[in-house]
Every structure is written in C-alpha cells, then in structure tokens.
Amino acid sequence: MSDPVFHPAVEPMTLDDICALVQGKAAWAGAARPLNGVASLDEAGPSDIAFMDGLKFVPQLRATRAGACLVSARFASEVPSCTAAIVVARPFPAFVVVARRFYADLLRPETIFGQVGIAAGAVVHPQARIEDGVTIDPGAVVGPDAEIGAGTLVSSGAIIGPGVRIGRDCSIGAGASLLHALLGNRVIIHPGARIGQDGFGYLGGARGHAKIPQIRRVILQDDVEIGANTTVDRGGLRDTVIGEGSKIDNLVQIAHNVVIGRHCIVVSQAGIAGSATLGDFVVLGGQVGVIGHVTIGDGSRIAATSNVKDDVPAGVEWGGSPAKPMREWFKEVMAVQRLGRGDLAPGRQQKDSEGNGRPG
C-alpha cells in the first residue's frame, strides 16, 4: 500500500465507481464501501484494491484482506468472503487503470516547492522565451534563446542550454542537463539525465585520437520518457532521435546518430552504439548491447544481456551473445548444458585405443 505522506490518493472510489471504470462485475452488498488506494495481495487492507492474475498467486489470494480484488472469472471463486471480487477479462491492465485514477498526480513529476512560476533563485537568461504557466525551481539555469512551453516544470539544478526548445507539459528532473536538444510535448526527463552532450567520436592515428565535431542535435518526440542518469548523445552527422511514446529506463547509454522508433522500451543498463536504428515497438531487455550501424526491425524483442551485432528482422525474438533467433539460442544453451553434464546424444561415443568409450 502507498505511504500517504508521499503518495496520497486523489479521492476515494466505491466499488460501483471501479466497476464502471474497468467495465467489471462485482457481487457485493456493500457496493458503496469506499476504497482509498491500491496494494499488493499480501499487503492490502479493507480500504485497498488489489489484483490477481496467475495460478501461482492463488495462496496469496485466499489469504488477502483486501477490500476488493480484480480477478478473471477463472479465479473468482478463490476470493475470500471479506473481499469483493471484481471480475474482468484482464486483471492487471484493469488494475493499472484504477491506479492511474487514484494517483493521477504521480503520472508526471511536480515541483517540490508547491509554487508555479519562476523562482527567485532560478537563473533565466533575458533572451530565453518562457510561456505562461512554466515552473522553474530554485537553482535551475536556462540559457539564451531557450524556449520552454506552458505547463513545463524545470526542477532545481537542471540546466537548459542555449537554443534548447522544450514543448508543453514537460518535466525536467533535478540535476538534468539539456544541450543541443529539441523536445516535444509531455516529455519527462528524470533526475540526472544527460541529453545532447558530445557523441563519442574520434579519429585514431599515430599521434593519438583527434576529436570529431558533433554537429547535430537530439530530438525527443512527444511523450518520450528518459530515466534517471541515462545519457543521450547528440548526433554527429545525423540527429539522434527518440520517437513518440518511447520509454527509456535508468542508466541507459544512447550514442550519437541513433534513431529509436515510436513506442519502444529500452531497459536499464542497455547500450546502443552509434548510428544504430530501432524500428517502432522494439523492446530491449536489461544490459542488451547493440553495436553500431545495425537495424532492429519493428516489433522485435531482444532478451536481456544479449549482444546484437547483425540486423534483426521485424517481429522476431532474439537472444544470446551474439544474438540469434530465440529457438536457435535455446538449442545452443541446452547443448552446452548437456556437454557440461557429459550427456551426449546416443551414437556420439568413440572408442579409445583400449576399446573404452569416450566422447566423440
């Protein structure tokens, strides 16, 4: 359950409210009972709503004290008598809908100072263009010719470089820096992220490494979210682009000239090398490495810790190092496990000079 000090619910909802919201059905006499928040099955109390979606959670469901639980019809009979069963086709998506209603203020970071406008301690260049309704917290810095759209928050310690353009209803986290960047609307940059610094480009030679000027930008389209301490380098000869609705986790490295399509997911500690291209709806698991200049097709998914060195077709699942189609990767893993056990396939024995069997 949430801590009301940090995450108070906007307002209570009744069972009737929730059923209408998620198009669910509940058989419960006390339909007007208020529910104040969401919680897990094992921590929920009488004023909380939980969800259950999977056979392995049946013991937790039977023991829950939640006021209500979102379940599929298959598990409705397992809900204890103290808990109202709200039957829906897909419990977890319904739970997300309810959570978003309870905690709507958590969908976008807000100022910790509770004020709208430019704080006295902020440093805003006189040539910056700031629309009405922008909040700039103490200690933030906005450079010349920067543009910030209405409803945007720039948190303490953030740096908005010269000429940077930020759309409306964005959130720039504490200590983040934005240089050479164009942001659409409703973009969220979490604390400590670095956007638009130099790409890693050098020409090697006998006397060392000569720096290559990085002359392009970073473009973050509408509804992009960048996690804490993630770095997005600006382009060298083409813009670094992250497409509409894509979500980048914490601690991700995105190199110069990378193009990421719409609605992609990139999980923590992934690294995407220069000039790689991801199509729309691509998913990279944690610690995936993508080498430069490869293309991953629309809708493809790469398993965690994989190393992508070749182009990946659209709509496939790959894994391993080097990454390959999932079925091939599983076969290789199983073969290595068999070798480790000395469990070779029948007929793969050879005779040594004394006639004893040995692995072929």
Protein backbone atom coordinates (compact mmCIF):
# COMPACT_ATOMS: atom_id res chain seq x y z
CA MET A 1 0.00 0.00 0.00
CA SER A 2 1.14 3.56 -0.57
CA ASP A 3 2.53 5.85 2.11
CA PRO A 4 0.02 8.72 2.34
CA VAL A 5 2.83 11.11 3.26
CA PHE A 6 4.40 10.64 -0.17
CA HIS A 7 1.59 9.24 -2.32
CA PRO A 8 -1.86 10.29 -1.16
CA ALA A 9 -4.75 9.10 -3.32
CA VAL A 10 -6.62 11.85 -5.12
CA GLU A 11 -10.04 10.76 -3.81
CA PRO A 12 -11.74 7.53 -2.69
CA MET A 13 -13.72 5.38 -5.11
CA THR A 14 -16.56 2.97 -4.43
CA LEU A 15 -16.93 -0.50 -5.88
CA ASP A 16 -19.55 0.88 -8.23
CA ASP A 17 -17.09 3.55 -9.38
CA ILE A 18 -14.40 0.97 -10.04
CA CYS A 19 -16.72 -1.44 -11.84
CA ALA A 20 -17.82 1.37 -14.13
CA LEU A 21 -14.21 2.43 -14.69
CA VAL A 22 -12.94 -1.03 -15.69
CA GLN A 23 -16.20 -2.48 -17.04
CA GLY A 24 -16.13 -5.18 -14.37
CA LYS A 25 -18.79 -7.04 -12.41
CA ALA A 26 -18.91 -7.37 -8.62
CA ALA A 27 -21.31 -9.36 -6.44
CA TRP A 28 -21.14 -7.45 -3.18
CA ALA A 29 -23.80 -5.97 -0.94
CA GLY A 30 -21.66 -3.06 0.20
CA ALA A 31 -21.11 -1.53 -3.19
CA ALA A 32 -20.81 1.94 -1.68
CA ARG A 33 -17.84 0.97 0.53
CA PRO A 34 -15.03 3.47 -0.19
CA LEU A 35 -11.65 2.27 -1.37
CA ASN A 36 -8.70 4.59 -0.87
CA GLY A 37 -5.83 3.09 -2.84
CA VAL A 38 -4.14 0.09 -4.40
CA ALA A 39 -1.90 -2.54 -2.84
CA SER A 40 -0.46 -6.00 -3.39
CA LEU A 41 -2.47 -9.04 -2.31
CA ASP A 42 -0.31 -9.68 0.74
CA GLU A 43 -0.26 -6.07 1.99
CA ALA A 44 -3.77 -4.88 1.09
CA GLY A 45 -6.23 -3.93 3.80
CA PRO A 46 -10.01 -3.38 3.80
CA SER A 47 -9.69 0.03 2.11
CA ASP A 48 -7.39 -1.18 -0.69
CA ILE A 49 -7.97 -2.83 -4.05
CA ALA A 50 -5.56 -5.50 -5.31
CA PHE A 51 -5.38 -7.71 -8.38
CA MET A 52 -4.63 -11.37 -9.02
CA ASP A 53 -3.53 -12.76 -12.36
CA GLY A 54 -1.85 -16.17 -12.30
CA LEU A 55 -2.15 -19.61 -10.78
CA LYS A 56 0.90 -19.22 -8.53
CA PHE A 57 -0.80 -16.35 -6.67
CA VAL A 58 -3.82 -18.39 -5.55
CA PRO A 59 -2.44 -18.85 -1.98
CA GLN A 60 -1.99 -15.08 -1.62
CA LEU A 61 -5.48 -14.51 -3.00
CA ARG A 62 -7.05 -16.88 -0.48
CA ALA A 63 -5.27 -15.09 2.38
CA THR A 64 -5.76 -11.49 1.26
CA ARG A 65 -7.56 -8.91 3.41
CA ALA A 66 -8.14 -6.52 0.51
CA GLY A 67 -11.43 -4.70 0.30
CA ALA A 68 -11.68 -5.66 -3.36
CA CYS A 69 -9.69 -7.66 -5.87
CA LEU A 70 -9.65 -7.57 -9.66
CA VAL A 71 -9.69 -11.17 -10.92
CA SER A 72 -10.56 -13.15 -14.01
CA ALA A 73 -13.65 -15.36 -13.91
CA ARG A 74 -11.40 -18.40 -13.55
CA PHE A 75 -10.25 -17.35 -10.06
CA ALA A 76 -13.35 -15.54 -8.77
CA SER A 77 -14.33 -18.50 -6.56
CA GLU A 78 -10.98 -18.28 -4.73
CA VAL A 79 -11.62 -14.75 -3.44
CA PRO A 80 -12.22 -14.79 0.36
CA SER A 81 -15.57 -13.71 1.77
CA CYS A 82 -14.13 -10.48 3.20
CA THR A 83 -13.07 -9.31 -0.26
CA ALA A 84 -15.24 -8.16 -3.14
CA ALA A 85 -14.35 -9.92 -6.38
CA ILE A 86 -14.44 -7.63 -9.39
CA VAL A 87 -14.41 -9.88 -12.44
CA VAL A 88 -12.65 -8.51 -15.51
CA ALA A 89 -11.16 -10.07 -18.62
CA ARG A 90 -7.63 -8.79 -17.93
CA PRO A 91 -6.91 -8.04 -14.26
CA PHE A 92 -3.54 -6.30 -14.50
CA PRO A 93 -4.49 -3.76 -17.20
CA ALA A 94 -7.65 -3.04 -15.19
CA PHE A 95 -5.52 -2.55 -12.07
CA VAL A 96 -3.35 -0.05 -13.94
CA VAL A 97 -6.45 1.92 -14.96
CA VAL A 98 -7.54 2.08 -11.31
CA ALA A 99 -4.06 3.04 -10.07
CA ARG A 100 -3.84 5.85 -12.63
CA ARG A 101 -7.16 7.22 -11.37
CA PHE A 102 -6.13 7.04 -7.71
CA TYR A 103 -2.69 8.56 -8.24
CA ALA A 104 -3.10 10.82 -11.24
CA ASP A 105 -0.64 13.32 -9.78
CA LEU A 106 2.16 10.72 -9.96
CA LEU A 107 1.94 10.37 -13.73
CA ARG A 108 4.15 13.43 -14.15
CA PRO A 109 6.67 14.81 -11.62
CA GLU A 110 5.66 18.04 -9.91
CA THR A 111 7.64 20.79 -8.23
CA ILE A 112 8.63 20.05 -4.64
CA PHE A 113 8.14 23.71 -3.75
CA GLY A 114 4.40 23.87 -4.40
CA GLN A 115 4.57 27.02 -6.50
CA VAL A 116 4.04 27.88 -10.15
CA GLY A 117 6.26 30.39 -11.87
CA ILE A 118 9.92 31.33 -11.96
CA ALA A 119 11.52 31.09 -8.51
CA ALA A 120 13.70 33.91 -7.26
CA GLY A 121 16.67 31.54 -7.08
CA ALA A 122 16.42 30.43 -10.72
CA VAL A 123 18.81 31.82 -13.33
CA VAL A 124 16.97 32.61 -16.56
CA HIS A 125 18.72 34.45 -19.38
CA PRO A 126 16.80 37.53 -20.52
CA GLN A 127 16.75 36.24 -24.10
CA ALA A 128 15.07 32.96 -23.11
CA ARG A 129 11.43 32.66 -24.17
CA ILE A 130 9.19 31.27 -21.43
CA GLU A 131 5.45 30.73 -21.94
CA ASP A 132 2.91 31.37 -19.20
CA GLY A 133 2.43 28.62 -16.63
CA VAL A 134 6.04 27.40 -16.65
CA THR A 135 7.59 26.48 -13.29
CA ILE A 136 11.34 26.95 -12.85
CA ASP A 137 12.57 25.89 -9.42
CA PRO A 138 15.41 27.50 -7.43
CA GLY A 139 18.86 26.67 -8.75
CA ALA A 140 17.75 25.84 -12.29
CA VAL A 141 19.57 27.54 -15.18
CA VAL A 142 18.02 28.49 -18.54
CA GLY A 143 20.35 29.75 -21.25
CA PRO A 144 19.89 32.34 -24.00
CA ASP A 145 17.35 31.68 -26.76
CA ALA A 146 16.00 28.62 -24.97
CA GLU A 147 12.24 28.12 -25.37
CA ILE A 148 10.01 26.47 -22.76
CA GLY A 149 6.32 25.70 -23.35
CA ALA A 150 3.40 26.26 -20.99
CA GLY A 151 2.90 23.82 -18.14
CA THR A 152 6.50 22.61 -18.13
CA LEU A 153 8.50 22.09 -14.93
CA VAL A 154 12.25 22.68 -14.74
CA SER A 155 13.46 21.31 -11.41
CA SER A 156 16.28 22.53 -9.19
CA GLY A 157 19.77 22.13 -10.58
CA ALA A 158 18.61 21.42 -14.12
CA ILE A 159 20.47 23.15 -16.94
CA ILE A 160 18.71 24.13 -20.15
CA GLY A 161 21.34 25.11 -22.70
CA PRO A 162 21.27 27.87 -25.30
CA GLY A 163 18.69 27.38 -28.04
CA VAL A 164 17.14 24.28 -26.49
CA ARG A 165 13.42 24.00 -27.21
CA ILE A 166 11.08 22.27 -24.78
CA GLY A 167 7.41 21.70 -25.57
CA ARG A 168 4.40 21.99 -23.30
CA ASP A 169 3.62 19.99 -20.14
CA CYS A 170 7.12 18.55 -19.93
CA SER A 171 9.07 17.72 -16.76
CA ILE A 172 12.83 18.21 -16.47
CA GLY A 173 14.16 16.48 -13.36
CA ALA A 174 16.57 17.79 -10.76
CA GLY A 175 20.15 17.98 -11.97
CA ALA A 176 19.37 17.02 -15.56
CA SER A 177 21.13 18.79 -18.42
CA LEU A 178 19.79 19.51 -21.90
CA LEU A 179 22.05 20.80 -24.66
CA HIS A 180 21.52 20.95 -28.44
CA ALA A 181 18.09 19.35 -27.97
CA LEU A 182 14.52 19.71 -29.20
CA LEU A 183 11.75 18.23 -27.05
CA GLY A 184 8.11 17.66 -27.97
CA ASN A 185 5.17 17.86 -25.61
CA ARG A 186 4.71 15.84 -22.40
CA VAL A 187 8.32 14.67 -22.35
CA ILE A 188 9.62 13.51 -18.96
CA ILE A 189 13.34 13.73 -18.17
CA HIS A 190 14.19 12.15 -14.81
CA PRO A 191 16.87 13.46 -12.43
CA GLY A 192 20.48 13.33 -13.52
CA ALA A 193 19.82 12.52 -17.17
CA ARG A 194 22.20 13.98 -19.73
CA ILE A 195 20.75 14.96 -23.09
CA GLY A 196 22.66 16.39 -26.05
CA GLN A 197 26.29 16.28 -24.94
CA ASP A 198 29.09 15.30 -27.34
CA GLY A 199 28.86 11.99 -29.11
CA PHE A 200 31.87 9.71 -28.69
CA GLY A 201 33.63 10.35 -31.98
CA TYR A 202 37.40 10.29 -32.59
CA LEU A 203 39.79 9.68 -35.47
CA GLY A 204 42.64 7.44 -34.36
CA GLY A 205 46.16 7.98 -35.60
CA ALA A 206 49.83 7.60 -34.76
CA ARG A 207 49.73 10.73 -32.60
CA GLY A 208 46.57 9.86 -30.72
CA HIS A 209 42.87 10.45 -31.13
CA ALA A 210 41.54 13.56 -32.87
CA LYS A 211 38.10 14.68 -31.72
CA ILE A 212 35.41 14.74 -34.43
CA PRO A 213 32.95 17.64 -34.11
CA GLN A 214 29.42 16.54 -33.29
CA ILE A 215 27.31 19.00 -35.26
CA ARG A 216 23.75 17.68 -34.96
CA ARG A 217 21.05 17.51 -32.26
CA VAL A 218 18.93 15.29 -30.06
CA ILE A 219 15.23 15.17 -30.91
CA LEU A 220 12.81 13.71 -28.36
CA GLN A 221 9.30 13.44 -29.76
CA ASP A 222 6.03 13.73 -27.84
CA ASP A 223 5.50 11.55 -24.73
CA VAL A 224 9.07 10.27 -24.53
CA GLU A 225 10.34 9.41 -21.04
CA ILE A 226 14.05 9.28 -20.16
CA GLY A 227 15.13 7.57 -16.94
CA ALA A 228 17.47 8.83 -14.24
CA ASN A 229 21.17 9.03 -15.14
CA THR A 230 20.56 7.99 -18.73
CA THR A 231 22.70 9.63 -21.40
CA VAL A 232 21.61 10.53 -24.92
CA ASP A 233 24.45 11.89 -27.07
CA ARG A 234 23.77 14.39 -29.81
CA GLY A 235 24.28 13.40 -33.41
CA GLY A 236 27.46 13.75 -35.39
CA LEU A 237 26.20 13.79 -38.98
CA ARG A 238 22.54 12.95 -38.35
CA ASP A 239 20.26 13.77 -35.43
CA THR A 240 19.88 11.37 -32.54
CA VAL A 241 16.12 10.74 -32.46
CA ILE A 242 13.84 9.02 -29.95
CA GLY A 243 10.37 8.52 -31.36
CA GLU A 244 6.97 9.31 -29.96
CA GLY A 245 5.96 7.43 -26.82
CA SER A 246 9.24 5.57 -26.32
CA LYS A 247 10.31 4.87 -22.73
CA ILE A 248 13.98 4.65 -21.76
CA ASP A 249 14.89 3.22 -18.35
CA ASN A 250 17.57 4.45 -15.93
CA LEU A 251 21.27 4.07 -16.74
CA VAL A 252 20.96 3.60 -20.49
CA GLN A 253 23.58 4.83 -22.98
CA ILE A 254 22.30 6.04 -26.36
CA ALA A 255 25.12 7.07 -28.67
CA HIS A 256 25.32 9.63 -31.46
CA ASN A 257 23.20 9.24 -34.60
CA VAL A 258 20.98 6.57 -33.03
CA VAL A 259 17.37 6.55 -34.23
CA ILE A 260 14.78 4.89 -31.98
CA GLY A 261 11.27 4.48 -33.35
CA ARG A 262 7.89 5.04 -31.76
CA HIS A 263 6.74 3.33 -28.54
CA CYS A 264 9.96 1.42 -27.91
CA ILE A 265 11.08 0.12 -24.50
CA VAL A 266 14.76 0.13 -23.53
CA VAL A 267 15.50 -1.42 -20.13
CA SER A 268 18.23 -0.40 -17.68
CA GLN A 269 21.94 -0.69 -18.50
CA ALA A 270 21.35 -1.26 -22.20
CA GLY A 271 23.82 0.38 -24.55
CA ILE A 272 23.09 1.39 -28.14
CA ALA A 273 26.15 2.23 -30.21
CA GLY A 274 26.39 4.95 -32.81
CA SER A 275 24.13 5.03 -35.87
CA ALA A 276 22.07 2.01 -34.81
CA THR A 277 18.39 2.11 -35.75
CA LEU A 278 15.44 0.65 -33.85
CA GLY A 279 12.04 0.39 -35.52
CA ASP A 280 8.70 1.02 -33.82
CA PHE A 281 7.62 -1.02 -30.75
CA VAL A 282 11.05 -2.60 -30.27
CA VAL A 283 11.91 -3.93 -26.78
CA LEU A 284 15.49 -4.22 -25.49
CA GLY A 285 15.91 -6.14 -22.23
CA GLY A 286 18.31 -5.13 -19.48
CA GLN A 287 22.03 -4.95 -20.35
CA VAL A 288 21.45 -5.51 -24.06
CA GLY A 289 24.28 -4.24 -26.23
CA VAL A 290 23.59 -3.08 -29.79
CA ILE A 291 26.64 -2.43 -31.96
CA GLY A 292 26.81 0.47 -34.34
CA HIS A 293 25.06 0.71 -37.70
CA VAL A 294 22.71 -2.27 -37.20
CA THR A 295 18.94 -2.12 -37.64
CA ILE A 296 16.34 -3.84 -35.45
CA GLY A 297 13.00 -4.20 -37.20
CA ASP A 298 9.58 -3.11 -35.98
CA GLY A 299 8.14 -5.06 -33.06
CA SER A 300 11.20 -7.19 -32.38
CA ARG A 301 12.23 -8.12 -28.83
CA ILE A 302 15.79 -8.72 -27.63
CA ALA A 303 16.35 -10.80 -24.47
CA ALA A 304 18.30 -9.35 -21.53
CA THR A 305 22.14 -9.39 -21.69
CA SER A 306 22.13 -10.16 -25.43
CA ASN A 307 24.65 -8.66 -27.85
CA VAL A 308 23.17 -7.60 -31.18
CA LYS A 309 25.80 -7.49 -33.92
CA ASP A 310 23.64 -8.17 -37.00
CA ASP A 311 20.47 -6.67 -38.42
CA VAL A 312 17.33 -8.12 -36.81
CA PRO A 313 14.17 -8.67 -38.90
CA ALA A 314 10.82 -7.24 -37.85
CA GLY A 315 8.54 -9.09 -35.46
CA VAL A 316 11.00 -11.62 -34.04
CA GLU A 317 12.50 -12.53 -30.66
CA TRP A 318 16.27 -12.88 -30.44
CA GLY A 319 18.65 -13.64 -27.59
CA GLY A 320 22.20 -14.65 -26.76
CA SER A 321 25.66 -13.33 -27.48
CA PRO A 322 25.88 -12.90 -30.35
CA ALA A 323 22.11 -12.58 -30.60
CA LYS A 324 20.23 -15.01 -32.83
CA PRO A 325 16.64 -16.28 -33.18
CA MET A 326 15.35 -17.43 -29.79
CA ARG A 327 14.86 -21.05 -30.82
CA GLU A 328 18.48 -21.31 -32.00
CA TRP A 329 19.73 -19.68 -28.82
CA PHE A 330 17.77 -22.10 -26.63
CA LYS A 331 19.18 -25.05 -28.59
CA GLU A 332 22.72 -23.78 -28.04
CA VAL A 333 22.13 -23.27 -24.32
CA MET A 334 20.71 -26.78 -23.96
CA ALA A 335 23.64 -28.26 -25.91
CA VAL A 336 26.16 -26.54 -23.63
CA GLN A 337 24.29 -27.79 -20.57
CA ARG A 338 24.40 -31.35 -21.92
CA LEU A 339 28.13 -31.04 -22.56
CA GLY A 340 28.62 -29.84 -19.01
CA ARG A 341 26.86 -32.95 -17.74
CA GLY A 342 28.70 -35.23 -20.16
CA ASP A 343 25.30 -36.09 -21.59
CA LEU A 344 25.98 -36.51 -25.30
CA ALA A 345 23.45 -37.76 -27.80
CA PRO A 346 23.35 -41.55 -28.47
CA GLY A 347 25.83 -42.73 -31.07
CA ARG A 348 28.29 -39.93 -30.30
CA GLN A 349 30.75 -42.19 -28.44
CA GLN A 350 34.16 -43.12 -29.85
CA LYS A 351 36.46 -45.94 -28.78
CA ASP A 352 39.88 -45.20 -27.43
CA SER A 353 42.88 -47.40 -28.19
CA GLU A 354 41.89 -49.81 -25.42
CA GLY A 355 38.31 -50.07 -26.59
CA ASN A 356 36.85 -47.87 -23.87
CA GLY A 357 34.14 -45.43 -24.78
CA ARG A 358 35.00 -41.76 -24.83
CA PRO A 359 33.15 -38.66 -26.03
CA GLY A 360 33.38 -38.04 -29.76
